[in-house]
């Protein structure tokens, strides 16, 4: 069996070690498709896994990385043949199944989505799970009935990966976007993505009122905790908030008032077990609805040997937009 370069997390007593090393294909897990990985990215969950800041990894040794784009090398699955270009997001990769920070991966064919025409492998991972999650959130708001005429949409954690893509998507679809960020120096960046208003993070981290002044028709929240509670309390009658992250915490210190007095809906967004038809539609929409110039503007590229330090930087909140990782 061949060896290949990979980042490997090993269990060490009550902690973990992480290093760029050689991994033997003999250690592959069950799967019916082998993919040569060209590109990956760093999402918030990847940062937690690589740094060990949260118990994301649940088997060892583990190759982290929850998403990749690449080319099928071998397949016993009738849906896939060598040469097919594919995307994978979630399904436990990088957590319970060997993930993306290696030059090859063996996975289940039903986890894969075909790379949309006109989208390169690099573009797909510049979008990554963060951008795919943002698209799922936007689609959920649309299914709820939100339209540009409904009113502005709030995006929290706006300078991060999910937030940056959400701002760009919503702006292109014609929504007025209110971007919340704790980094005031990123105001010009967010306006260049399409935000029409910037509000400082402290406006949404004060102790929430059961109901506050109605300010937006909907929101995409990647922060959770007090930020989400405040976003809900300020959502207009009949509006909706799509919750897709917990960068600020897993708690929700709010009240039922927005739900029972304003008819506000809280829409949960899960990217890991999302059904295949929704995945395919999300990637189709990303290929058509996301401005490539804005995607390039929010993206920087690193190599596999730079992933470990970059994961720490991301968790410190010092990464703007997206990081794409060249694997192959």
Protein backbone atom coordinates (compact mmCIF):
# COMPACT_ATOMS: atom_id res chain seq x y z
CA UNK A 1 0.00 0.00 0.00
CA UNK A 2 1.18 3.54 -0.75
CA UNK A 3 1.94 6.23 1.76
CA UNK A 4 0.93 9.86 1.43
CA UNK A 5 1.35 13.15 3.27
CA UNK A 6 -1.29 13.92 5.88
CA UNK A 7 -1.90 15.81 9.09
CA UNK A 8 -2.48 13.17 11.77
CA UNK A 9 -3.91 13.62 15.27
CA UNK A 10 -2.84 11.04 17.85
CA UNK A 11 -4.14 10.50 21.36
CA UNK A 12 -1.58 11.38 24.07
CA UNK A 13 -2.79 10.59 27.61
CA UNK A 14 -5.55 13.17 28.22
CA UNK A 15 -4.46 15.44 25.38
CA UNK A 16 -3.55 15.01 21.72
CA UNK A 17 -0.61 15.52 19.39
CA UNK A 18 -0.87 16.76 15.81
CA UNK A 19 1.77 16.61 13.08
CA UNK A 20 2.30 16.57 9.33
CA UNK A 21 3.57 13.08 8.59
CA UNK A 22 3.28 10.02 6.31
CA UNK A 23 0.08 7.96 6.43
CA UNK A 24 -0.23 4.45 5.05
CA UNK A 25 -3.26 3.62 2.89
CA UNK A 26 -3.47 0.37 4.87
CA UNK A 27 -5.00 2.53 7.60
CA UNK A 28 -7.94 3.62 5.44
CA UNK A 29 -11.43 3.11 6.82
CA UNK A 30 -14.40 1.51 5.05
CA UNK A 31 -15.59 3.12 1.85
CA UNK A 32 -16.28 2.36 -1.80
CA UNK A 33 -14.67 5.42 -3.41
CA UNK A 34 -11.03 6.54 -3.22
CA UNK A 35 -10.47 10.22 -3.95
CA UNK A 36 -7.24 12.05 -4.75
CA UNK A 37 -7.75 15.28 -2.82
CA UNK A 38 -6.80 18.50 -4.54
CA UNK A 39 -8.09 21.13 -2.13
CA UNK A 40 -9.53 21.54 1.34
CA UNK A 41 -10.16 24.47 3.69
CA UNK A 42 -10.23 25.40 7.37
CA UNK A 43 -13.64 25.69 9.00
CA UNK A 44 -14.35 26.54 12.63
CA UNK A 45 -14.82 22.85 13.47
CA UNK A 46 -11.44 22.08 11.85
CA UNK A 47 -9.84 24.68 14.11
CA UNK A 48 -11.35 22.99 17.16
CA UNK A 49 -10.20 19.56 16.00
CA UNK A 50 -6.62 20.51 15.13
CA UNK A 51 -6.03 22.54 18.29
CA UNK A 52 -7.88 20.12 20.56
CA UNK A 53 -9.90 23.01 22.03
CA UNK A 54 -13.05 20.86 21.88
CA UNK A 55 -13.55 17.07 21.68
CA UNK A 56 -14.36 17.08 17.98
CA UNK A 57 -12.17 14.07 17.17
CA UNK A 58 -13.73 10.83 18.38
CA UNK A 59 -11.32 8.19 17.10
CA UNK A 60 -7.56 8.03 16.84
CA UNK A 61 -5.45 8.26 14.83
CA UNK A 62 -7.43 10.83 12.88
CA UNK A 63 -6.74 12.83 9.74
CA UNK A 64 -8.74 16.02 10.40
CA UNK A 65 -10.54 18.11 7.79
CA UNK A 66 -14.31 18.03 7.31
CA UNK A 67 -14.45 18.81 3.59
CA UNK A 68 -12.54 18.38 0.35
CA UNK A 69 -12.70 18.63 -3.41
CA UNK A 70 -10.87 16.17 -5.60
CA UNK A 71 -10.94 13.51 -8.30
CA UNK A 72 -12.10 9.91 -8.02
CA UNK A 73 -9.18 7.50 -8.36
CA UNK A 74 -11.03 4.22 -7.80
CA UNK A 75 -14.64 3.26 -7.19
CA UNK A 76 -16.80 0.19 -6.65
CA UNK A 77 -19.83 2.47 -6.33
CA UNK A 78 -21.97 2.56 -9.53
CA UNK A 79 -22.56 6.30 -9.16
CA UNK A 80 -18.89 7.20 -9.45
CA UNK A 81 -16.06 6.40 -11.84
CA UNK A 82 -12.37 7.36 -12.01
CA UNK A 83 -11.95 10.93 -13.20
CA UNK A 84 -15.18 12.25 -11.69
CA UNK A 85 -14.74 15.55 -9.85
CA UNK A 86 -16.37 15.50 -6.43
CA UNK A 87 -17.04 17.51 -3.26
CA UNK A 88 -17.47 16.15 0.25
CA UNK A 89 -18.85 18.05 3.25
CA UNK A 90 -19.40 16.56 6.69
CA UNK A 91 -20.70 13.02 7.30
CA UNK A 92 -18.25 12.73 10.21
CA UNK A 93 -15.09 13.13 8.15
CA UNK A 94 -12.35 14.57 10.32
CA UNK A 95 -14.32 13.46 13.41
CA UNK A 96 -15.14 9.74 13.19
CA UNK A 97 -13.91 9.04 9.65
CA UNK A 98 -10.47 9.91 8.26
CA UNK A 99 -10.74 13.38 6.79
CA UNK A 100 -9.45 15.85 4.24
CA UNK A 101 -5.97 16.94 5.35
CA UNK A 102 -4.26 14.20 3.40
CA UNK A 103 -3.56 13.56 -0.25
CA UNK A 104 -6.07 10.69 -0.46
CA UNK A 105 -9.27 9.60 1.23
CA UNK A 106 -11.53 6.55 1.05
CA UNK A 107 -15.18 7.42 1.68
CA UNK A 108 -18.70 6.24 1.00
CA UNK A 109 -20.02 7.20 -2.42
CA UNK A 110 -23.32 8.46 -1.00
CA UNK A 111 -21.39 11.17 0.83
CA UNK A 112 -20.19 12.77 -2.40
CA UNK A 113 -21.64 15.57 -4.50
CA UNK A 114 -20.60 16.10 -8.11
CA UNK A 115 -18.58 19.28 -8.64
CA UNK A 116 -20.93 21.70 -10.46
CA UNK A 117 -19.99 22.71 -13.99
CA UNK A 118 -18.05 25.96 -14.04
CA UNK A 119 -16.81 25.57 -10.47
CA UNK A 120 -13.17 24.61 -9.96
CA UNK A 121 -11.98 22.38 -7.11
CA UNK A 122 -10.23 25.42 -5.64
CA UNK A 123 -13.38 27.54 -5.84
CA UNK A 124 -15.40 24.78 -4.19
CA UNK A 125 -13.07 24.76 -1.20
CA UNK A 126 -12.79 28.54 -1.11
CA UNK A 127 -16.52 28.21 -0.46
CA UNK A 128 -16.09 25.10 1.71
CA UNK A 129 -18.43 23.91 4.42
CA UNK A 130 -18.66 27.46 5.78
CA UNK A 131 -20.00 28.77 2.47
CA UNK A 132 -22.18 25.72 1.88
CA UNK A 133 -23.67 26.24 5.37
CA UNK A 134 -24.30 29.91 4.55
CA UNK A 135 -26.17 28.81 1.41
CA UNK A 136 -28.27 26.33 3.41
CA UNK A 137 -29.16 29.20 5.78
CA UNK A 138 -30.15 31.50 2.92
CA UNK A 139 -32.26 28.74 1.36
CA UNK A 140 -34.00 28.19 4.71
CA UNK A 141 -34.87 31.89 4.94
CA UNK A 142 -36.19 31.78 1.38
CA UNK A 143 -38.36 28.74 2.17
CA UNK A 144 -39.73 30.70 5.13
CA UNK A 145 -40.86 33.32 2.62
CA UNK A 146 -38.26 36.06 3.08
CA UNK A 147 -37.76 38.29 0.06
CA UNK A 148 -35.75 41.49 -0.38
CA UNK A 149 -38.99 43.44 0.07
CA UNK A 150 -39.47 41.82 3.49
CA UNK A 151 -36.75 44.00 4.97
CA UNK A 152 -33.04 43.82 5.88
CA UNK A 153 -31.28 40.64 6.96
CA UNK A 154 -28.74 40.55 9.78
CA UNK A 155 -25.55 38.49 9.45
CA UNK A 156 -23.63 37.88 12.67
CA UNK A 157 -19.95 36.98 12.77
CA UNK A 158 -19.95 38.68 9.41
CA UNK A 159 -16.20 38.83 8.80
CA UNK A 160 -15.80 35.07 9.33
CA UNK A 161 -16.21 32.30 6.78
CA UNK A 162 -19.95 31.68 7.08
CA UNK A 163 -20.64 35.37 7.54
CA UNK A 164 -18.61 36.57 4.57
CA UNK A 165 -20.33 34.19 2.15
CA UNK A 166 -23.76 34.94 3.64
CA UNK A 167 -23.23 38.69 3.17
CA UNK A 168 -22.14 38.21 -0.46
CA UNK A 169 -25.01 35.80 -1.26
CA UNK A 170 -27.74 37.91 0.33
CA UNK A 171 -26.48 41.11 -1.30
CA UNK A 172 -26.44 39.49 -4.75
CA UNK A 173 -29.99 38.24 -4.19
CA UNK A 174 -31.07 41.84 -3.54
CA UNK A 175 -31.35 41.91 0.25
CA UNK A 176 -30.22 44.85 2.34
CA UNK A 177 -27.61 43.28 4.63
CA UNK A 178 -26.78 44.42 8.15
CA UNK A 179 -23.40 42.97 9.11
CA UNK A 180 -22.43 42.51 12.76
CA UNK A 181 -18.74 42.18 13.58
CA UNK A 182 -16.39 42.57 16.50
CA UNK A 183 -13.71 43.84 14.15
CA UNK A 184 -14.52 47.43 13.16
CA UNK A 185 -11.45 47.50 10.90
CA UNK A 186 -13.30 45.07 8.59
CA UNK A 187 -16.11 47.54 7.81
CA UNK A 188 -14.78 48.40 4.35
CA UNK A 189 -14.28 44.71 3.57
CA UNK A 190 -17.87 43.89 4.54
CA UNK A 191 -19.25 46.81 2.53
CA UNK A 192 -17.26 45.58 -0.48
CA UNK A 193 -19.05 42.23 -0.13
CA UNK A 194 -22.39 44.00 -0.19
CA UNK A 195 -23.26 44.97 3.39
CA UNK A 196 -25.28 48.18 3.53
CA UNK A 197 -24.88 48.71 7.29
CA UNK A 198 -22.28 47.64 9.88
CA UNK A 199 -23.14 47.28 13.56
CA UNK A 200 -20.61 46.58 16.30
CA UNK A 201 -20.70 43.25 18.11
CA UNK A 202 -21.46 44.83 21.55
CA UNK A 203 -24.94 45.81 20.33
CA UNK A 204 -25.76 42.09 20.30
CA UNK A 205 -23.82 40.93 23.35
CA UNK A 206 -25.65 42.97 25.99
CA UNK A 207 -28.11 41.05 28.20
CA UNK A 208 -31.07 40.45 25.88
CA UNK A 209 -34.53 41.84 26.49
CA UNK A 210 -37.47 39.48 25.97
CA UNK A 211 -38.48 41.77 23.11
CA UNK A 212 -36.49 44.67 21.69
CA UNK A 213 -37.19 47.12 18.90
CA UNK A 214 -37.89 45.35 15.59
CA UNK A 215 -34.90 45.88 13.30
CA UNK A 216 -34.63 43.09 10.68
CA UNK A 217 -36.81 40.64 8.82
CA UNK A 218 -34.39 37.77 9.24
CA UNK A 219 -30.89 36.79 10.22
CA UNK A 220 -28.09 34.31 9.59
CA UNK A 221 -26.39 33.60 12.91
CA UNK A 222 -23.11 31.71 13.29
CA UNK A 223 -22.44 32.93 16.86
CA UNK A 224 -25.17 31.55 19.13
CA UNK A 225 -25.54 32.43 22.82
CA UNK A 226 -26.39 36.04 23.70
CA UNK A 227 -25.92 37.19 20.12
CA UNK A 228 -28.60 34.79 18.89
CA UNK A 229 -30.94 35.73 21.74
CA UNK A 230 -30.61 39.43 20.86
CA UNK A 231 -31.04 38.72 17.13
CA UNK A 232 -34.31 36.91 17.88
CA UNK A 233 -35.57 39.69 20.17
CA UNK A 234 -35.04 42.26 17.39
CA UNK A 235 -36.56 40.27 14.52
CA UNK A 236 -39.68 41.72 12.96
CA UNK A 237 -43.10 40.11 13.21
CA UNK A 238 -43.24 36.86 11.22
CA UNK A 239 -39.51 36.89 10.51
CA UNK A 240 -36.97 34.11 10.89
CA UNK A 241 -33.44 33.50 12.13
CA UNK A 242 -31.31 30.71 10.65
CA UNK A 243 -28.92 29.43 13.35
CA UNK A 244 -25.84 27.59 12.10
CA UNK A 245 -22.99 28.12 14.57
CA UNK A 246 -21.79 28.44 18.14
CA UNK A 247 -18.66 30.59 18.01
CA UNK A 248 -20.03 32.55 20.98
CA UNK A 249 -21.37 29.58 22.93
CA UNK A 250 -23.97 26.81 22.89
CA UNK A 251 -26.38 28.46 25.33
CA UNK A 252 -29.41 30.50 24.35
CA UNK A 253 -30.20 32.97 27.18
CA UNK A 254 -33.38 34.38 25.70
CA UNK A 255 -37.13 34.02 26.16
CA UNK A 256 -40.08 32.59 24.23
CA UNK A 257 -41.44 36.11 23.66
CA UNK A 258 -40.24 36.48 20.04
CA UNK A 259 -41.89 33.17 19.14
CA UNK A 260 -45.27 33.62 20.83
CA UNK A 261 -45.71 37.40 20.53
CA UNK A 262 -44.13 38.11 17.14
CA UNK A 263 -44.40 34.73 15.41
CA UNK A 264 -40.63 34.63 14.84
CA UNK A 265 -39.18 31.30 13.68
CA UNK A 266 -35.82 29.83 14.65
CA UNK A 267 -34.51 27.71 11.79
CA UNK A 268 -31.84 25.15 12.62
CA UNK A 269 -29.15 24.58 9.97
CA UNK A 270 -27.18 21.33 9.96
CA UNK A 271 -24.56 20.79 7.29
CA UNK A 272 -23.22 17.41 8.49
CA UNK A 273 -26.21 15.10 7.93
CA UNK A 274 -28.03 17.33 5.44
CA UNK A 275 -29.95 15.19 2.87
CA UNK A 276 -28.34 14.79 -0.54
CA UNK A 277 -31.01 16.68 -2.56
CA UNK A 278 -30.49 19.79 -0.42
CA UNK A 279 -26.71 19.48 -0.76
CA UNK A 280 -26.94 19.26 -4.53
CA UNK A 281 -29.26 22.27 -4.66
CA UNK A 282 -27.01 24.28 -2.33
CA UNK A 283 -23.94 23.64 -4.51
CA UNK A 284 -25.92 24.41 -7.67
CA UNK A 285 -26.97 27.72 -6.14
CA UNK A 286 -23.44 28.51 -4.97
CA UNK A 287 -22.13 27.98 -8.51
CA UNK A 288 -24.68 30.45 -9.88
CA UNK A 289 -25.43 32.92 -7.05
CA UNK A 290 -22.02 33.62 -5.49
CA UNK A 291 -19.97 36.36 -7.12
CA UNK A 292 -16.57 34.81 -7.98
CA UNK A 293 -14.84 38.15 -7.68
CA UNK A 294 -16.13 38.55 -4.13
CA UNK A 295 -15.17 34.94 -3.38
CA UNK A 296 -11.62 35.65 -4.52
CA UNK A 297 -11.57 38.80 -2.43
CA UNK A 298 -12.46 36.92 0.76
CA UNK A 299 -10.04 34.00 0.19
CA UNK A 300 -6.36 33.35 0.86
CA UNK A 301 -4.43 30.19 0.02
CA UNK A 302 -2.10 28.13 2.20
CA UNK A 303 -0.33 24.79 1.93
CA UNK A 304 -0.89 21.66 3.98
CA UNK A 305 2.17 22.51 6.09
CA UNK A 306 0.51 25.77 7.21
CA UNK A 307 -2.77 24.27 8.44
CA UNK A 308 -1.75 23.65 12.06
CA UNK A 309 -0.80 27.26 12.91
CA UNK A 310 -3.68 28.63 10.81
CA UNK A 311 -6.19 26.60 12.84
CA UNK A 312 -5.13 28.43 16.00
CA UNK A 313 -5.32 31.81 14.28
CA UNK A 314 -8.86 31.07 13.12
CA UNK A 315 -10.06 30.23 16.63
CA UNK A 316 -8.55 33.48 17.89
CA UNK A 317 -10.90 35.33 15.53
CA UNK A 318 -8.06 36.74 13.44
CA UNK A 319 -9.03 35.21 10.08
CA UNK A 320 -10.97 37.27 7.57
CA UNK A 321 -13.20 35.31 5.22
CA UNK A 322 -11.98 31.99 3.90
CA UNK A 323 -8.75 29.96 3.86
CA UNK A 324 -8.29 27.48 1.03
CA UNK A 325 -5.73 24.68 1.51
CA UNK A 326 -3.80 23.25 -1.44
CA UNK A 327 -3.47 19.51 -0.79
CA UNK A 328 -2.61 17.87 -4.11
